[in-house]
Amino acid sequence: MKQTEFTPEAFEELVRDAGAEGISADGMATMNEVMHTYALYISRYAYEIARHKGRSTIADEDIRLAAMNVNLGGGFLPGVQMGHGAAGEPVK
């Protein structure tokens, strides 16, 4: 499956909106991976909601409901570990 690439400009805007001065290249790569996984997780859940309602097309309401029910607790994304390494670096 091809992974969607988000633009560096989008990430720069996102992190600045969050209060940061910028994002490193490694940070962008990790953010891209996490965002892709998160969007895929939401899409799959939204598709299940649409199918339950007798549709094969995902609607805005399906995405909103799926997003409201996502647990943002540590480790909800497959392959993404939460926490920090010895030097304070995030664990991959």
C-alpha atoms as a PDB file:
ATOM      1  CA  MET A   1       0.000   0.000   0.000  1.00  0.00           C
ATOM      2  CA  LYS A   2       1.358   3.403  -0.971  1.00  0.00           C
ATOM      3  CA  GLN A   3       1.804   5.787   1.940  1.00  0.00           C
ATOM      4  CA  THR A   4       0.385   9.283   1.536  1.00  0.00           C
ATOM      5  CA  GLU A   5       3.028  11.999   1.789  1.00  0.00           C
ATOM      6  CA  PHE A   6       2.054  15.154   3.618  1.00  0.00           C
ATOM      7  CA  THR A   7       3.860  18.310   2.542  1.00  0.00           C
ATOM      8  CA  PRO A   8       6.637  19.863   4.635  1.00  0.00           C
ATOM      9  CA  GLU A   9       4.658  23.121   4.539  1.00  0.00           C
ATOM     10  CA  ALA A  10       1.662  21.421   6.127  1.00  0.00           C
ATOM     11  CA  PHE A  11       3.827  20.075   8.956  1.00  0.00           C
ATOM     12  CA  GLU A  12       5.513  23.447   9.468  1.00  0.00           C
ATOM     13  CA  GLU A  13       2.105  25.099   9.779  1.00  0.00           C
ATOM     14  CA  LEU A  14       0.856  22.387  12.129  1.00  0.00           C
ATOM     15  CA  VAL A  15       3.783  22.579  14.537  1.00  0.00           C
ATOM     16  CA  ARG A  16       3.757  26.380  14.509  1.00  0.00           C
ATOM     17  CA  ASP A  17       0.041  26.310  15.351  1.00  0.00           C
ATOM     18  CA  ALA A  18       1.030  24.065  18.265  1.00  0.00           C
ATOM     19  CA  GLY A  19       3.561  26.680  19.412  1.00  0.00           C
ATOM     20  CA  ALA A  20       6.830  25.170  18.122  1.00  0.00           C
ATOM     21  CA  GLU A  21       9.329  27.096  16.027  1.00  0.00           C
ATOM     22  CA  GLY A  22       9.650  24.340  13.450  1.00  0.00           C
ATOM     23  CA  ILE A  23      10.148  20.613  12.835  1.00  0.00           C
ATOM     24  CA  SER A  24      13.281  18.666  11.863  1.00  0.00           C
ATOM     25  CA  ALA A  25      13.527  16.415   8.808  1.00  0.00           C
ATOM     26  CA  ASP A  26      13.473  13.340  11.085  1.00  0.00           C
ATOM     27  CA  GLY A  27      10.484  14.815  12.891  1.00  0.00           C
ATOM     28  CA  MET A  28       8.674  15.292   9.581  1.00  0.00           C
ATOM     29  CA  ALA A  29       9.357  11.699   8.552  1.00  0.00           C
ATOM     30  CA  THR A  30       8.028  10.386  11.865  1.00  0.00           C
ATOM     31  CA  MET A  31       5.049  12.748  11.795  1.00  0.00           C
ATOM     32  CA  ASN A  32       4.258  11.598   8.265  1.00  0.00           C
ATOM     33  CA  GLU A  33       4.309   7.953   9.367  1.00  0.00           C
ATOM     34  CA  VAL A  34       2.138   8.644  12.418  1.00  0.00           C
ATOM     35  CA  MET A  35      -0.332  10.815  10.475  1.00  0.00           C
ATOM     36  CA  HIS A  36      -0.640   8.172   7.759  1.00  0.00           C
ATOM     37  CA  THR A  37      -1.279   5.427  10.319  1.00  0.00           C
ATOM     38  CA  TYR A  38      -3.766   7.590  12.223  1.00  0.00           C
ATOM     39  CA  ALA A  39      -5.649   8.512   9.027  1.00  0.00           C
ATOM     40  CA  LEU A  40      -5.742   4.870   7.949  1.00  0.00           C
ATOM     41  CA  TYR A  41      -7.060   3.832  11.378  1.00  0.00           C
ATOM     42  CA  ILE A  42      -9.807   6.490  11.213  1.00  0.00           C
ATOM     43  CA  SER A  43     -10.649   5.540   7.605  1.00  0.00           C
ATOM     44  CA  ARG A  44     -11.022   1.862   8.434  1.00  0.00           C
ATOM     45  CA  TYR A  45     -13.243   2.627  11.403  1.00  0.00           C
ATOM     46  CA  ALA A  46     -15.299   5.110   9.347  1.00  0.00           C
ATOM     47  CA  TYR A  47     -15.737   2.480   6.629  1.00  0.00           C
ATOM     48  CA  GLU A  48     -17.077   0.009   9.188  1.00  0.00           C
ATOM     49  CA  ILE A  49     -19.554   2.666  10.367  1.00  0.00           C
ATOM     50  CA  ALA A  50     -20.650   3.353   6.761  1.00  0.00           C
ATOM     51  CA  ARG A  51     -21.081  -0.389   6.082  1.00  0.00           C
ATOM     52  CA  HIS A  52     -23.154  -0.720   9.259  1.00  0.00           C
ATOM     53  CA  LYS A  53     -25.410   2.008   7.826  1.00  0.00           C
ATOM     54  CA  GLY A  54     -25.694   0.144   4.510  1.00  0.00           C
ATOM     55  CA  ARG A  55     -23.275   2.342   2.561  1.00  0.00           C
ATOM     56  CA  SER A  56     -19.952   1.641   0.870  1.00  0.00           C
ATOM     57  CA  THR A  57     -18.983   5.317   0.706  1.00  0.00           C
ATOM     58  CA  ILE A  58     -17.616   7.042   3.801  1.00  0.00           C
ATOM     59  CA  ALA A  59     -19.507  10.225   4.742  1.00  0.00           C
ATOM     60  CA  ASP A  60     -18.435  13.176   6.843  1.00  0.00           C
ATOM     61  CA  GLU A  61     -20.527  11.885   9.775  1.00  0.00           C
ATOM     62  CA  ASP A  62     -18.707   8.524   9.651  1.00  0.00           C
ATOM     63  CA  ILE A  63     -15.312  10.201   9.902  1.00  0.00           C
ATOM     64  CA  ARG A  64     -16.454  12.435  12.757  1.00  0.00           C
ATOM     65  CA  LEU A  65     -17.875   9.486  14.684  1.00  0.00           C
ATOM     66  CA  ALA A  66     -14.755   7.404  14.079  1.00  0.00           C
ATOM     67  CA  ALA A  67     -12.494  10.271  15.194  1.00  0.00           C
ATOM     68  CA  MET A  68     -14.528  10.802  18.363  1.00  0.00           C
ATOM     69  CA  ASN A  69     -14.036   7.162  19.298  1.00  0.00           C
ATOM     70  CA  VAL A  70     -10.286   6.932  18.743  1.00  0.00           C
ATOM     71  CA  ASN A  71      -8.346   6.303  21.935  1.00  0.00           C
ATOM     72  CA  LEU A  72      -5.365   8.654  21.962  1.00  0.00           C
ATOM     73  CA  GLY A  73      -3.804   6.775  24.878  1.00  0.00           C
ATOM     74  CA  GLY A  74      -0.239   5.540  24.599  1.00  0.00           C
ATOM     75  CA  GLY A  75       0.478   3.033  21.898  1.00  0.00           C
ATOM     76  CA  PHE A  76      -2.825   3.038  20.006  1.00  0.00           C
ATOM     77  CA  LEU A  77      -0.986   3.206  16.688  1.00  0.00           C
ATOM     78  CA  PRO A  78       0.606  -0.040  15.530  1.00  0.00           C
ATOM     79  CA  GLY A  79       4.384   0.306  15.283  1.00  0.00           C
ATOM     80  CA  VAL A  80       4.492   3.600  17.191  1.00  0.00           C
ATOM     81  CA  GLN A  81       5.753   3.374  20.759  1.00  0.00           C
ATOM     82  CA  MET A  82       5.229   6.181  23.204  1.00  0.00           C
ATOM     83  CA  GLY A  83       7.869   7.203  25.717  1.00  0.00           C
ATOM     84  CA  HIS A  84      11.413   8.551  25.777  1.00  0.00           C
ATOM     85  CA  GLY A  85      14.830   7.032  25.337  1.00  0.00           C
ATOM     86  CA  ALA A  86      17.867   7.478  27.563  1.00  0.00           C
ATOM     87  CA  ALA A  87      18.764  10.855  26.089  1.00  0.00           C
ATOM     88  CA  GLY A  88      15.221  12.153  26.242  1.00  0.00           C
ATOM     89  CA  GLU A  89      14.673  11.266  22.595  1.00  0.00           C
ATOM     90  CA  PRO A  90      11.273   9.823  21.652  1.00  0.00           C
ATOM     91  CA  VAL A  91      11.288   6.062  21.232  1.00  0.00           C
ATOM     92  CA  LYS A  92      10.570   4.827  17.701  1.00  0.00           C
END
